[in-house]
């Protein structure tokens, strides 16, 4: 299949992004076109290196997208998040997501304190 066809098909195939909790408490975020099959693969030790060393795994969260390309984009976004932000998403605490995205170091204008 040519590259343009592959790209075109990725826009037509439904996709999922998911978060697993591993036996050591760590989180794994992935995307797939077949969520049930991918979960079985993870449980059978045929998933990602991260999960096969930390079995069993438990599905904590999933989102469905119109295309696998969109699910993959979302996967990459979530992978960059902090653990507290992932936990807010898992727990449906959507209102705190923007706060958890803010820079909170001392150089941020909201937290900057002038020395007197």
N, C-alpha and C. Protein backbone atom coordinates (compact mmCIF):
# COMPACT_ATOMS: atom_id res chain seq x y z
N UNK A 1 0.85 -1.18 0.00
CA UNK A 1 0.00 0.00 0.00
C UNK A 1 0.89 1.23 0.00
N UNK A 2 0.57 2.19 -0.81
CA UNK A 2 1.39 3.40 -0.90
C UNK A 2 1.18 4.29 0.32
N UNK A 3 2.12 5.18 0.56
CA UNK A 3 2.05 6.07 1.72
C UNK A 3 0.78 6.93 1.71
N UNK A 4 0.40 7.55 0.56
CA UNK A 4 -0.85 8.33 0.56
C UNK A 4 -2.07 7.48 0.90
N UNK A 5 -2.10 6.23 0.43
CA UNK A 5 -3.24 5.37 0.75
C UNK A 5 -3.27 5.05 2.24
N UNK A 6 -2.12 4.80 2.82
CA UNK A 6 -2.05 4.51 4.24
C UNK A 6 -2.55 5.70 5.05
N UNK A 7 -2.11 6.89 4.64
CA UNK A 7 -2.57 8.10 5.33
C UNK A 7 -4.07 8.28 5.17
N UNK A 8 -4.58 8.06 3.97
CA UNK A 8 -6.01 8.20 3.70
C UNK A 8 -6.80 7.20 4.55
N UNK A 9 -6.35 5.95 4.62
CA UNK A 9 -7.05 4.95 5.40
C UNK A 9 -7.02 5.27 6.89
N UNK A 10 -5.94 5.86 7.37
CA UNK A 10 -5.87 6.18 8.80
C UNK A 10 -6.90 7.24 9.18
N UNK A 11 -7.39 7.97 8.20
CA UNK A 11 -8.43 8.97 8.47
C UNK A 11 -9.81 8.34 8.52
N UNK A 12 -9.94 7.10 8.02
CA UNK A 12 -11.23 6.45 7.94
C UNK A 12 -11.44 5.38 9.01
N UNK A 13 -10.39 4.95 9.65
CA UNK A 13 -10.46 3.87 10.64
C UNK A 13 -10.61 4.47 12.03
N UNK A 14 -11.65 4.04 12.75
CA UNK A 14 -11.89 4.50 14.11
C UNK A 14 -10.71 4.11 14.99
N UNK A 15 -10.40 4.94 15.98
CA UNK A 15 -9.29 4.66 16.88
C UNK A 15 -9.65 4.94 18.33
N UNK A 16 -8.81 4.42 19.20
CA UNK A 16 -8.99 4.58 20.64
C UNK A 16 -7.67 5.00 21.27
N UNK A 17 -7.74 5.81 22.28
CA UNK A 17 -6.59 6.09 23.14
C UNK A 17 -6.99 5.56 24.51
N UNK A 18 -6.02 5.00 25.23
CA UNK A 18 -6.35 4.36 26.50
C UNK A 18 -5.21 4.56 27.50
N UNK A 19 -5.57 4.46 28.76
CA UNK A 19 -4.59 4.52 29.85
C UNK A 19 -4.74 3.24 30.67
N UNK A 20 -3.63 2.55 30.86
CA UNK A 20 -3.59 1.35 31.68
C UNK A 20 -2.84 1.64 32.97
N UNK A 21 -3.22 0.94 34.02
CA UNK A 21 -2.42 0.95 35.24
C UNK A 21 -1.70 -0.39 35.30
N UNK A 22 -0.40 -0.35 35.47
CA UNK A 22 0.42 -1.55 35.55
C UNK A 22 0.50 -2.03 37.00
N UNK A 23 0.98 -3.25 37.18
CA UNK A 23 1.05 -3.84 38.52
C UNK A 23 1.92 -3.05 39.49
N UNK A 24 2.87 -2.28 38.97
CA UNK A 24 3.73 -1.46 39.83
C UNK A 24 3.14 -0.08 40.09
N UNK A 25 1.92 0.18 39.59
CA UNK A 25 1.26 1.46 39.81
C UNK A 25 1.53 2.48 38.72
N UNK A 26 2.45 2.19 37.80
CA UNK A 26 2.74 3.13 36.72
C UNK A 26 1.60 3.13 35.70
N UNK A 27 1.55 4.19 34.91
CA UNK A 27 0.55 4.31 33.86
C UNK A 27 1.20 4.09 32.50
N UNK A 28 0.41 3.51 31.60
CA UNK A 28 0.83 3.35 30.21
C UNK A 28 -0.28 3.92 29.35
N UNK A 29 0.07 4.80 28.42
CA UNK A 29 -0.90 5.39 27.50
C UNK A 29 -0.60 4.88 26.10
N UNK A 30 -1.63 4.40 25.41
CA UNK A 30 -1.46 3.89 24.06
C UNK A 30 -2.65 4.22 23.19
N UNK A 31 -2.55 3.84 21.91
CA UNK A 31 -3.67 4.00 20.99
C UNK A 31 -3.76 2.76 20.12
N UNK A 32 -4.96 2.50 19.61
CA UNK A 32 -5.20 1.29 18.84
C UNK A 32 -6.48 1.43 18.01
N UNK A 33 -6.64 0.52 17.05
CA UNK A 33 -7.89 0.48 16.28
C UNK A 33 -8.85 -0.55 16.87
N UNK A 34 -8.35 -1.46 17.71
CA UNK A 34 -9.17 -2.52 18.32
C UNK A 34 -8.82 -2.61 19.80
N UNK A 35 -9.60 -1.94 20.62
CA UNK A 35 -9.29 -1.83 22.05
C UNK A 35 -9.29 -3.19 22.75
N UNK A 36 -10.29 -4.01 22.51
CA UNK A 36 -10.37 -5.31 23.18
C UNK A 36 -9.17 -6.19 22.82
N UNK A 37 -8.83 -6.22 21.54
CA UNK A 37 -7.69 -7.02 21.09
C UNK A 37 -6.39 -6.51 21.71
N UNK A 38 -6.22 -5.20 21.75
CA UNK A 38 -4.99 -4.62 22.29
C UNK A 38 -4.87 -4.89 23.79
N UNK A 39 -5.97 -4.84 24.51
CA UNK A 39 -5.93 -5.14 25.94
C UNK A 39 -5.53 -6.59 26.17
N UNK A 40 -6.06 -7.51 25.36
CA UNK A 40 -5.66 -8.92 25.46
C UNK A 40 -4.16 -9.08 25.19
N UNK A 41 -3.67 -8.36 24.18
CA UNK A 41 -2.24 -8.42 23.87
C UNK A 41 -1.40 -7.96 25.06
N UNK A 42 -1.81 -6.86 25.68
CA UNK A 42 -1.08 -6.38 26.85
C UNK A 42 -1.10 -7.44 27.96
N UNK A 43 -2.27 -8.00 28.25
CA UNK A 43 -2.39 -8.98 29.33
C UNK A 43 -1.59 -10.25 29.03
N UNK A 44 -1.46 -10.60 27.76
CA UNK A 44 -0.72 -11.80 27.35
C UNK A 44 0.78 -11.55 27.24
N UNK A 45 1.22 -10.33 27.57
CA UNK A 45 2.64 -10.02 27.51
C UNK A 45 3.13 -9.74 26.11
N UNK A 46 2.20 -9.48 25.19
CA UNK A 46 2.56 -9.20 23.79
C UNK A 46 2.36 -7.72 23.46
N UNK A 47 2.20 -6.91 24.48
CA UNK A 47 2.01 -5.48 24.27
C UNK A 47 3.35 -4.77 24.30
N UNK A 48 3.35 -3.58 24.81
CA UNK A 48 4.56 -2.76 24.88
C UNK A 48 5.54 -3.32 25.90
N UNK A 49 6.81 -3.01 25.72
CA UNK A 49 7.84 -3.45 26.68
C UNK A 49 7.50 -3.01 28.10
N UNK A 50 6.99 -1.79 28.23
CA UNK A 50 6.66 -1.26 29.56
C UNK A 50 5.63 -2.15 30.25
N UNK A 51 4.59 -2.57 29.54
CA UNK A 51 3.53 -3.34 30.19
C UNK A 51 3.90 -4.81 30.38
N UNK A 52 4.64 -5.39 29.46
CA UNK A 52 4.91 -6.83 29.61
C UNK A 52 5.79 -7.15 30.81
N UNK A 53 6.50 -6.15 31.32
CA UNK A 53 7.32 -6.33 32.52
C UNK A 53 6.54 -5.99 33.79
N UNK A 54 5.29 -5.54 33.63
CA UNK A 54 4.52 -5.05 34.78
C UNK A 54 3.10 -5.60 34.78
N UNK A 55 2.96 -6.87 34.51
CA UNK A 55 1.64 -7.51 34.45
C UNK A 55 1.15 -7.88 35.85
N UNK A 56 -0.16 -7.92 36.05
CA UNK A 56 -1.21 -7.62 35.08
C UNK A 56 -1.44 -6.12 34.96
N UNK A 57 -2.18 -5.75 33.92
CA UNK A 57 -2.54 -4.35 33.70
C UNK A 57 -4.05 -4.21 33.82
N UNK A 58 -4.47 -2.99 34.09
CA UNK A 58 -5.90 -2.71 34.27
C UNK A 58 -6.26 -1.48 33.45
N UNK A 59 -7.32 -1.57 32.67
CA UNK A 59 -7.79 -0.42 31.89
C UNK A 59 -8.44 0.58 32.83
N UNK A 60 -7.93 1.82 32.82
CA UNK A 60 -8.48 2.87 33.67
C UNK A 60 -9.30 3.88 32.89
N UNK A 61 -8.96 4.07 31.61
CA UNK A 61 -9.57 5.17 30.85
C UNK A 61 -9.44 4.89 29.36
N UNK A 62 -10.46 5.29 28.59
CA UNK A 62 -10.40 5.17 27.13
C UNK A 62 -11.25 6.26 26.49
N UNK A 63 -10.81 6.71 25.33
CA UNK A 63 -11.55 7.66 24.50
C UNK A 63 -11.63 7.08 23.10
N UNK A 64 -12.75 7.31 22.43
CA UNK A 64 -12.94 6.85 21.05
C UNK A 64 -12.85 8.03 20.09
N UNK A 65 -12.18 7.81 18.96
CA UNK A 65 -12.01 8.86 17.95
C UNK A 65 -12.47 8.37 16.59
N UNK A 66 -12.81 9.30 15.73
CA UNK A 66 -13.26 8.96 14.38
C UNK A 66 -12.14 8.38 13.52
N UNK A 67 -10.88 8.66 13.89
CA UNK A 67 -9.76 8.12 13.13
C UNK A 67 -8.62 7.73 14.08
N UNK A 68 -7.85 6.74 13.66
CA UNK A 68 -6.70 6.32 14.45
C UNK A 68 -5.66 7.45 14.50
N UNK A 69 -5.60 8.26 13.45
CA UNK A 69 -4.66 9.38 13.44
C UNK A 69 -4.98 10.36 14.58
N UNK A 70 -6.26 10.63 14.79
CA UNK A 70 -6.65 11.53 15.88
C UNK A 70 -6.36 10.90 17.24
N UNK A 71 -6.59 9.59 17.37
CA UNK A 71 -6.30 8.89 18.62
C UNK A 71 -4.80 8.92 18.91
N UNK A 72 -3.99 8.74 17.88
CA UNK A 72 -2.53 8.76 18.05
C UNK A 72 -2.06 10.14 18.50
N UNK A 73 -2.64 11.19 17.93
CA UNK A 73 -2.31 12.57 18.36
C UNK A 73 -2.63 12.77 19.83
N UNK A 74 -3.79 12.29 20.23
CA UNK A 74 -4.22 12.43 21.63
C UNK A 74 -3.30 11.61 22.55
N UNK A 75 -2.91 10.42 22.10
CA UNK A 75 -1.98 9.59 22.88
C UNK A 75 -0.70 10.37 23.17
N UNK A 76 -0.13 10.99 22.16
CA UNK A 76 1.12 11.74 22.34
C UNK A 76 0.91 12.91 23.29
N UNK A 77 -0.26 13.56 23.22
CA UNK A 77 -0.55 14.66 24.12
C UNK A 77 -0.58 14.17 25.57
N UNK A 78 -1.33 13.11 25.83
CA UNK A 78 -1.48 12.59 27.19
C UNK A 78 -0.15 12.07 27.72
N UNK A 79 0.66 11.46 26.87
CA UNK A 79 1.95 10.95 27.31
C UNK A 79 2.85 12.05 27.88
N UNK A 80 2.65 13.27 27.43
CA UNK A 80 3.44 14.39 27.93
C UNK A 80 2.94 14.98 29.24
N UNK A 81 1.81 14.49 29.72
CA UNK A 81 1.21 15.04 30.93
C UNK A 81 1.85 14.47 32.19
N UNK A 82 1.72 15.23 33.27
CA UNK A 82 2.17 14.78 34.59
C UNK A 82 1.21 13.70 35.10
N UNK A 83 1.68 12.96 36.08
CA UNK A 83 0.82 11.94 36.71
C UNK A 83 -0.46 12.56 37.30
N UNK A 84 -0.36 13.68 38.05
CA UNK A 84 -1.59 14.28 38.58
C UNK A 84 -2.59 14.67 37.48
N UNK A 85 -2.09 15.16 36.36
CA UNK A 85 -2.99 15.55 35.27
C UNK A 85 -3.65 14.32 34.66
N UNK A 86 -2.90 13.23 34.49
CA UNK A 86 -3.48 11.98 33.98
C UNK A 86 -4.54 11.47 34.95
N UNK A 87 -4.28 11.57 36.24
CA UNK A 87 -5.24 11.10 37.24
C UNK A 87 -6.52 11.93 37.22
N UNK A 88 -6.39 13.23 36.99
CA UNK A 88 -7.58 14.09 36.87
C UNK A 88 -8.41 13.65 35.67
N UNK A 89 -7.76 13.35 34.56
CA UNK A 89 -8.48 12.88 33.37
C UNK A 89 -9.17 11.55 33.67
N UNK A 90 -8.46 10.61 34.25
CA UNK A 90 -9.02 9.30 34.59
C UNK A 90 -10.23 9.44 35.50
N UNK A 91 -10.16 10.37 36.44
CA UNK A 91 -11.23 10.56 37.42
C UNK A 91 -12.34 11.49 36.94
N UNK A 92 -12.22 11.98 35.70
CA UNK A 92 -13.26 12.85 35.15
C UNK A 92 -13.27 14.25 35.74
N UNK A 93 -12.15 14.67 36.31
CA UNK A 93 -12.05 16.00 36.91
C UNK A 93 -11.55 17.00 35.86
N UNK A 94 -12.35 17.18 34.84
CA UNK A 94 -11.94 17.98 33.68
C UNK A 94 -11.71 19.45 34.01
N UNK A 95 -12.40 19.94 35.03
CA UNK A 95 -12.27 21.36 35.39
C UNK A 95 -10.88 21.70 35.93
N UNK A 96 -10.14 20.73 36.45
CA UNK A 96 -8.81 21.02 36.99
C UNK A 96 -7.69 20.83 35.96
N UNK A 97 -8.01 20.30 34.79
CA UNK A 97 -6.97 20.07 33.77
C UNK A 97 -6.23 21.36 33.39
N UNK A 98 -6.93 22.48 33.17
CA UNK A 98 -6.18 23.70 32.83
C UNK A 98 -5.23 24.14 33.94
N UNK A 99 -5.66 24.02 35.20
CA UNK A 99 -4.80 24.39 36.33
C UNK A 99 -3.56 23.50 36.36
N UNK A 100 -3.73 22.22 36.09
CA UNK A 100 -2.61 21.28 36.13
C UNK A 100 -1.66 21.49 34.95
N UNK A 101 -2.09 22.28 33.97
CA UNK A 101 -1.25 22.59 32.81
C UNK A 101 -0.37 23.82 33.03
N UNK A 102 -0.73 24.63 34.02
CA UNK A 102 -0.01 25.89 34.24
C UNK A 102 1.39 25.65 34.77
N UNK A 103 2.27 26.52 34.35
CA UNK A 103 3.62 26.56 34.91
C UNK A 103 3.50 27.16 36.30
N UNK A 104 4.08 26.51 37.29
CA UNK A 104 3.95 26.99 38.67
C UNK A 104 5.29 27.34 39.31
N UNK A 105 6.31 27.50 38.48
CA UNK A 105 7.60 27.85 39.10
C UNK A 105 7.63 29.34 39.43
N UNK A 106 8.64 29.74 40.16
CA UNK A 106 8.70 31.11 40.68
C UNK A 106 8.84 32.17 39.60
N UNK A 107 9.22 31.80 38.38
CA UNK A 107 9.36 32.81 37.34
C UNK A 107 8.06 33.07 36.59
N UNK A 108 7.04 32.25 36.83
CA UNK A 108 5.75 32.46 36.19
C UNK A 108 5.12 33.73 36.74
N UNK A 109 4.52 34.53 35.87
CA UNK A 109 3.99 35.83 36.30
C UNK A 109 2.95 35.70 37.41
N UNK A 110 2.17 34.63 37.44
CA UNK A 110 1.15 34.48 38.48
C UNK A 110 1.78 34.23 39.85
N UNK A 111 2.95 33.64 39.86
CA UNK A 111 3.56 33.23 41.12
C UNK A 111 4.79 34.07 41.49
N UNK A 112 5.11 35.01 40.62
CA UNK A 112 6.29 35.84 40.84
C UNK A 112 6.05 36.80 41.99
N UNK A 113 6.99 36.84 42.91
CA UNK A 113 6.90 37.76 44.04
C UNK A 113 8.09 38.71 43.98
N UNK A 114 7.78 39.99 43.95
CA UNK A 114 8.86 40.97 43.92
C UNK A 114 9.52 41.02 45.28
N UNK A 115 10.83 41.11 45.26
CA UNK A 115 11.57 41.26 46.51
C UNK A 115 11.51 42.70 46.93
N UNK A 116 11.33 42.94 48.20
CA UNK A 116 11.22 44.31 48.71
C UNK A 116 12.44 44.68 49.47
